[in-house]
Amino acid sequence: MGATKSDYFTDNQNELGNLTKALGHPARIAIIEYLLKVNTCICGDIVNELPLSQPTISQHLKELKNAGLIKGSIEGNAICYCINEAGFDKIKSFFNLVANHIEKRNKECC
């Protein structure tokens, strides 16, 4: 079996790619913003907040959770979601690296 494209990149590059890919949909950004606002919530709360169906919200939550950007815990028949700081720490580190480079770079670059 041949190598996949992800084999050519570091674990860190693949992980960061998965994290940022999960943020690549406006509904997921809206979910993250809602979780930041309320600090924790149940899936039904998000359905009431966003103009999307419950199955669509659940799919977006699954993508965010698989990427490591949110956490979920079962409370009775519902799942309570909150931000997973570890995932955002990795994104923050990368963008801090980029921002630091931009501040220090030669302004004459292409």
Protein backbone atom coordinates (compact mmCIF):
# COMPACT_ATOMS: atom_id res chain seq x y z
CA MET A 1 0.00 0.00 0.00
CA GLY A 2 1.37 3.45 -0.94
CA ALA A 3 1.97 6.42 1.27
CA THR A 4 -0.84 8.89 1.81
CA LYS A 5 -0.25 12.58 1.33
CA SER A 6 -0.36 13.11 5.10
CA ASP A 7 2.69 10.84 5.42
CA TYR A 8 4.81 13.56 3.83
CA PHE A 9 4.06 16.04 6.62
CA THR A 10 4.91 16.10 10.31
CA ASP A 11 2.42 15.02 12.95
CA ASN A 12 2.20 18.64 14.06
CA GLN A 13 1.43 19.84 10.51
CA ASN A 14 -1.25 17.19 10.07
CA GLU A 15 -2.80 17.98 13.44
CA LEU A 16 -2.84 21.72 12.78
CA GLY A 17 -4.34 21.06 9.35
CA ASN A 18 -7.15 19.03 10.94
CA LEU A 19 -7.79 21.71 13.56
CA THR A 20 -8.01 24.53 11.05
CA LYS A 21 -10.05 22.42 8.61
CA ALA A 22 -12.63 21.90 11.36
CA LEU A 23 -12.93 25.69 11.65
CA GLY A 24 -13.42 26.03 7.90
CA HIS A 25 -17.22 26.21 8.03
CA PRO A 26 -19.20 29.24 9.20
CA ALA A 27 -21.62 27.06 11.19
CA ARG A 28 -18.71 25.69 13.21
CA ILE A 29 -17.41 29.20 13.85
CA ALA A 30 -20.92 30.12 15.06
CA ILE A 31 -20.98 27.07 17.35
CA ILE A 32 -17.58 28.00 18.83
CA GLU A 33 -18.73 31.62 19.34
CA TYR A 34 -21.88 30.36 21.07
CA LEU A 35 -19.90 28.04 23.34
CA LEU A 36 -17.58 30.93 24.25
CA LYS A 37 -20.60 33.07 25.10
CA VAL A 38 -22.37 30.52 27.29
CA ASN A 39 -19.26 28.63 28.49
CA THR A 40 -21.09 25.28 28.29
CA CYS A 41 -24.29 24.07 26.67
CA ILE A 42 -26.49 21.21 25.60
CA CYS A 43 -26.89 20.40 21.89
CA GLY A 44 -30.55 21.49 21.97
CA ASP A 45 -29.48 24.96 23.09
CA ILE A 46 -27.37 25.32 19.95
CA VAL A 47 -30.26 24.16 17.77
CA ASN A 48 -32.38 26.95 19.26
CA GLU A 49 -29.58 29.48 18.62
CA LEU A 50 -28.60 28.67 15.03
CA PRO A 51 -30.78 28.38 11.91
CA LEU A 52 -29.81 24.75 11.33
CA SER A 53 -31.52 21.43 11.95
CA GLN A 54 -30.59 19.22 14.89
CA PRO A 55 -28.91 16.57 12.69
CA THR A 56 -26.83 19.26 10.95
CA ILE A 57 -25.77 20.76 14.30
CA SER A 58 -24.88 17.28 15.54
CA GLN A 59 -22.67 16.66 12.48
CA HIS A 60 -20.83 19.97 13.01
CA LEU A 61 -20.39 19.18 16.71
CA LYS A 62 -18.98 15.78 15.77
CA GLU A 63 -16.41 17.41 13.44
CA LEU A 64 -15.38 19.93 16.10
CA LYS A 65 -15.09 17.20 18.73
CA ASN A 66 -13.11 14.85 16.45
CA ALA A 67 -10.68 17.68 15.73
CA GLY A 68 -10.21 18.28 19.46
CA LEU A 69 -11.72 21.78 19.54
CA ILE A 70 -14.63 20.94 21.83
CA LYS A 71 -15.33 18.40 24.57
CA GLY A 72 -18.61 16.73 25.42
CA SER A 73 -19.97 14.98 28.47
CA ILE A 74 -23.21 13.02 28.77
CA GLU A 75 -25.80 14.49 31.12
CA GLY A 76 -28.86 12.28 31.14
CA ASN A 77 -30.18 12.06 27.58
CA ALA A 78 -28.19 15.08 26.38
CA ILE A 79 -24.56 15.91 25.72
CA CYS A 80 -23.10 19.04 27.26
CA TYR A 81 -20.39 20.68 25.13
CA CYS A 82 -17.62 23.11 26.00
CA ILE A 83 -14.41 24.47 24.47
CA ASN A 84 -11.35 22.19 24.55
CA GLU A 85 -8.55 24.60 25.44
CA ALA A 86 -5.80 22.22 24.27
CA GLY A 87 -6.95 22.36 20.65
CA PHE A 88 -7.07 26.14 20.64
CA ASP A 89 -3.68 26.35 22.37
CA LYS A 90 -2.16 24.57 19.36
CA ILE A 91 -3.82 26.99 16.94
CA LYS A 92 -2.76 29.95 19.08
CA SER A 93 0.86 28.76 19.10
CA PHE A 94 0.92 28.51 15.32
CA PHE A 95 -0.62 31.94 14.77
CA ASN A 96 1.72 33.46 17.37
CA LEU A 97 4.63 32.01 15.38
CA VAL A 98 3.26 33.59 12.20
CA ALA A 99 2.57 36.94 13.91
CA ASN A 100 6.08 37.05 15.41
CA HIS A 101 7.62 36.34 12.03
CA ILE A 102 5.54 39.08 10.39
CA GLU A 103 6.63 41.60 13.01
CA LYS A 104 10.31 40.77 12.50
CA ARG A 105 10.42 40.22 8.73
CA ASN A 106 11.95 42.43 6.14
CA LYS A 107 9.17 44.69 4.81
CA GLU A 108 10.81 44.54 1.35
CA CYS A 109 9.81 40.90 0.83
CA CYS A 110 7.82 40.31 -2.38
